[in-house]
Amino acid sequence: MAEGEEQLELKFRIFDGTDIGHRTYSSSTNIATLKQRILSEWPQDKSVAPKSVNDMKLIHAGKILDNGKTLAESRVHVGDLPGGVITMHVVVQPPVAKRKTGMLCFFLWHTAYMRSDTH
């Protein structure tokens, strides 16, 4: 730990109000590292679960935290609550269903062809 580096006590609240990952982290900890820890500690009995760090967003003080930044760069600090615990919210993004664009293109082509006078 570098001299003067702030230690932050964090916990992460998931969709049903459960808190996970409660411990002290260095202000130099990367957001992606936090997400990896959250992923590894995610309760197995939950119906909603991220499959990777890209499936979740960390929110602190109304801001979505960037994977490439540290806690310090994200301006996460204890502030006026010495000894206080900072709660961050974890939002899991559902996987986006892949559209069947091939069928859609065929349908549009077929509809246009049937309406034309050239067939």
C-alpha atoms as a PDB file:
ATOM      1  CA  MET A   1       0.000   0.000   0.000  1.00  0.00           C
ATOM      2  CA  ALA A   2       1.354   3.424  -0.942  1.00  0.00           C
ATOM      3  CA  GLU A   3       1.836   6.009   1.750  1.00  0.00           C
ATOM      4  CA  GLY A   4      -1.245   8.180   2.269  1.00  0.00           C
ATOM      5  CA  GLU A   5      -3.477   5.792   0.340  1.00  0.00           C
ATOM      6  CA  GLU A   6      -6.994   5.894   1.699  1.00  0.00           C
ATOM      7  CA  GLN A   7      -8.689   2.732   2.935  1.00  0.00           C
ATOM      8  CA  LEU A   8     -12.399   2.446   2.197  1.00  0.00           C
ATOM      9  CA  GLU A   9     -14.880   0.120   3.819  1.00  0.00           C
ATOM     10  CA  LEU A  10     -17.319  -0.954   1.116  1.00  0.00           C
ATOM     11  CA  LYS A  11     -20.277  -3.248   0.737  1.00  0.00           C
ATOM     12  CA  PHE A  12     -22.253  -4.015  -2.392  1.00  0.00           C
ATOM     13  CA  ARG A  13     -26.041  -4.202  -2.419  1.00  0.00           C
ATOM     14  CA  ILE A  14     -27.685  -6.430  -5.001  1.00  0.00           C
ATOM     15  CA  PHE A  15     -31.231  -6.317  -6.404  1.00  0.00           C
ATOM     16  CA  ASP A  16     -32.992  -7.969  -3.448  1.00  0.00           C
ATOM     17  CA  GLY A  17     -31.258  -5.906  -0.724  1.00  0.00           C
ATOM     18  CA  THR A  18     -28.599  -8.501   0.108  1.00  0.00           C
ATOM     19  CA  ASP A  19     -25.163  -7.050   0.871  1.00  0.00           C
ATOM     20  CA  ILE A  20     -22.031  -8.855  -0.358  1.00  0.00           C
ATOM     21  CA  GLY A  21     -18.282  -8.185  -0.473  1.00  0.00           C
ATOM     22  CA  HIS A  22     -18.170  -6.239   2.802  1.00  0.00           C
ATOM     23  CA  ARG A  23     -14.510  -5.461   3.476  1.00  0.00           C
ATOM     24  CA  THR A  24     -11.876  -2.745   3.368  1.00  0.00           C
ATOM     25  CA  TYR A  25     -10.410  -1.837  -0.023  1.00  0.00           C
ATOM     26  CA  SER A  26      -7.544   0.431  -1.026  1.00  0.00           C
ATOM     27  CA  SER A  27      -8.447   3.603  -2.923  1.00  0.00           C
ATOM     28  CA  SER A  28      -6.135   2.325  -5.700  1.00  0.00           C
ATOM     29  CA  THR A  29      -8.389  -0.703  -6.285  1.00  0.00           C
ATOM     30  CA  ASN A  30      -9.649  -0.908  -9.856  1.00  0.00           C
ATOM     31  CA  ILE A  31     -13.441  -1.023 -10.470  1.00  0.00           C
ATOM     32  CA  ALA A  32     -13.038  -4.118 -12.682  1.00  0.00           C
ATOM     33  CA  THR A  33     -11.266  -5.845  -9.774  1.00  0.00           C
ATOM     34  CA  LEU A  34     -14.197  -5.025  -7.483  1.00  0.00           C
ATOM     35  CA  LYS A  35     -16.617  -6.482 -10.031  1.00  0.00           C
ATOM     36  CA  GLN A  36     -14.533  -9.658 -10.268  1.00  0.00           C
ATOM     37  CA  ARG A  37     -14.725 -10.060  -6.492  1.00  0.00           C
ATOM     38  CA  ILE A  38     -18.488  -9.430  -6.538  1.00  0.00           C
ATOM     39  CA  LEU A  39     -18.876 -12.041  -9.274  1.00  0.00           C
ATOM     40  CA  SER A  40     -16.929 -14.600  -7.236  1.00  0.00           C
ATOM     41  CA  GLU A  41     -19.000 -13.893  -4.098  1.00  0.00           C
ATOM     42  CA  TRP A  42     -22.405 -13.732  -5.823  1.00  0.00           C
ATOM     43  CA  PRO A  43     -24.941 -15.820  -3.843  1.00  0.00           C
ATOM     44  CA  GLN A  44     -25.695 -19.069  -5.700  1.00  0.00           C
ATOM     45  CA  ASP A  45     -29.353 -19.116  -4.646  1.00  0.00           C
ATOM     46  CA  LYS A  46     -30.286 -15.949  -6.568  1.00  0.00           C
ATOM     47  CA  SER A  47     -32.412 -16.200  -9.698  1.00  0.00           C
ATOM     48  CA  VAL A  48     -30.618 -13.213 -11.257  1.00  0.00           C
ATOM     49  CA  ALA A  49     -26.860 -13.600 -11.555  1.00  0.00           C
ATOM     50  CA  PRO A  50     -24.212 -11.987 -13.749  1.00  0.00           C
ATOM     51  CA  LYS A  51     -22.195 -14.301 -15.978  1.00  0.00           C
ATOM     52  CA  SER A  52     -19.266 -11.872 -16.274  1.00  0.00           C
ATOM     53  CA  VAL A  53     -18.098  -8.479 -15.007  1.00  0.00           C
ATOM     54  CA  ASN A  54     -19.552  -6.958 -18.171  1.00  0.00           C
ATOM     55  CA  ASP A  55     -23.052  -8.019 -17.078  1.00  0.00           C
ATOM     56  CA  MET A  56     -23.027  -5.689 -14.073  1.00  0.00           C
ATOM     57  CA  LYS A  57     -22.834  -2.000 -13.308  1.00  0.00           C
ATOM     58  CA  LEU A  58     -21.559  -0.522 -10.042  1.00  0.00           C
ATOM     59  CA  ILE A  59     -23.360   2.620  -8.943  1.00  0.00           C
ATOM     60  CA  HIS A  60     -22.093   5.066  -6.340  1.00  0.00           C
ATOM     61  CA  ALA A  61     -23.669   8.450  -5.575  1.00  0.00           C
ATOM     62  CA  GLY A  62     -25.854   8.170  -8.677  1.00  0.00           C
ATOM     63  CA  LYS A  63     -22.932   7.521 -11.036  1.00  0.00           C
ATOM     64  CA  ILE A  64     -22.063   4.368 -12.966  1.00  0.00           C
ATOM     65  CA  LEU A  65     -18.426   3.571 -12.227  1.00  0.00           C
ATOM     66  CA  ASP A  66     -16.035   2.930 -15.119  1.00  0.00           C
ATOM     67  CA  ASN A  67     -14.185  -0.439 -15.192  1.00  0.00           C
ATOM     68  CA  GLY A  68     -10.890   1.213 -16.130  1.00  0.00           C
ATOM     69  CA  LYS A  69     -10.762   3.599 -13.173  1.00  0.00           C
ATOM     70  CA  THR A  70      -9.739   3.167  -9.562  1.00  0.00           C
ATOM     71  CA  LEU A  71     -11.874   4.035  -6.551  1.00  0.00           C
ATOM     72  CA  ALA A  72      -9.847   7.240  -6.105  1.00  0.00           C
ATOM     73  CA  GLU A  73     -10.275   8.232  -9.763  1.00  0.00           C
ATOM     74  CA  SER A  74     -13.999   7.553  -9.404  1.00  0.00           C
ATOM     75  CA  ARG A  75     -14.015  10.009  -6.498  1.00  0.00           C
ATOM     76  CA  VAL A  76     -15.138   7.415  -3.973  1.00  0.00           C
ATOM     77  CA  HIS A  77     -14.002   8.563  -0.548  1.00  0.00           C
ATOM     78  CA  VAL A  78     -15.147   8.424   3.041  1.00  0.00           C
ATOM     79  CA  GLY A  79     -15.621  12.184   3.275  1.00  0.00           C
ATOM     80  CA  ASP A  80     -17.525  13.214   6.383  1.00  0.00           C
ATOM     81  CA  LEU A  81     -18.115   9.661   7.596  1.00  0.00           C
ATOM     82  CA  PRO A  82     -14.837   8.497   9.133  1.00  0.00           C
ATOM     83  CA  GLY A  83     -15.211   4.842   9.952  1.00  0.00           C
ATOM     84  CA  GLY A  84     -18.412   4.688   7.889  1.00  0.00           C
ATOM     85  CA  VAL A  85     -19.320   2.008   5.396  1.00  0.00           C
ATOM     86  CA  ILE A  86     -19.943   3.008   1.783  1.00  0.00           C
ATOM     87  CA  THR A  87     -22.745   1.108   0.070  1.00  0.00           C
ATOM     88  CA  MET A  88     -22.551   0.673  -3.686  1.00  0.00           C
ATOM     89  CA  HIS A  89     -25.398  -0.735  -5.721  1.00  0.00           C
ATOM     90  CA  VAL A  90     -24.926  -3.540  -8.219  1.00  0.00           C
ATOM     91  CA  VAL A  91     -27.215  -3.678 -11.235  1.00  0.00           C
ATOM     92  CA  VAL A  92     -27.225  -6.807 -13.360  1.00  0.00           C
ATOM     93  CA  GLN A  93     -27.946  -6.258 -17.028  1.00  0.00           C
ATOM     94  CA  PRO A  94     -29.916  -9.068 -18.639  1.00  0.00           C
ATOM     95  CA  PRO A  95     -28.243 -10.523 -21.716  1.00  0.00           C
ATOM     96  CA  VAL A  96     -29.394  -8.907 -24.928  1.00  0.00           C
ATOM     97  CA  ALA A  97     -31.155 -11.392 -27.189  1.00  0.00           C
ATOM     98  CA  LYS A  98     -29.598 -11.555 -30.608  1.00  0.00           C
ATOM     99  CA  ARG A  99     -31.998 -10.473 -33.302  1.00  0.00           C
ATOM    100  CA  LYS A 100     -32.535 -12.703 -36.260  1.00  0.00           C
ATOM    101  CA  THR A 101     -31.658 -10.024 -38.767  1.00  0.00           C
ATOM    102  CA  GLY A 102     -31.239 -12.567 -41.550  1.00  0.00           C
ATOM    103  CA  MET A 103     -34.917 -13.555 -41.395  1.00  0.00           C
ATOM    104  CA  LEU A 104     -35.981  -9.923 -41.120  1.00  0.00           C
ATOM    105  CA  CYS A 105     -34.010  -8.994 -44.227  1.00  0.00           C
ATOM    106  CA  PHE A 106     -35.495 -11.936 -46.121  1.00  0.00           C
ATOM    107  CA  PHE A 107     -39.008 -10.974 -45.044  1.00  0.00           C
ATOM    108  CA  LEU A 108     -38.527  -7.355 -46.147  1.00  0.00           C
ATOM    109  CA  TRP A 109     -37.011  -8.448 -49.475  1.00  0.00           C
ATOM    110  CA  HIS A 110     -39.788 -10.983 -50.081  1.00  0.00           C
ATOM    111  CA  THR A 111     -42.530  -8.464 -49.239  1.00  0.00           C
ATOM    112  CA  ALA A 112     -41.025  -5.875 -51.579  1.00  0.00           C
ATOM    113  CA  TYR A 113     -40.598  -8.465 -54.339  1.00  0.00           C
ATOM    114  CA  MET A 114     -44.204  -9.670 -54.069  1.00  0.00           C
ATOM    115  CA  ARG A 115     -45.489  -6.100 -54.315  1.00  0.00           C
ATOM    116  CA  SER A 116     -43.402  -5.271 -57.369  1.00  0.00           C
ATOM    117  CA  ASP A 117     -44.618  -5.740 -60.940  1.00  0.00           C
ATOM    118  CA  THR A 118     -41.460  -7.597 -61.998  1.00  0.00           C
ATOM    119  CA  HIS A 119     -42.233 -11.098 -60.747  1.00  0.00           C
END
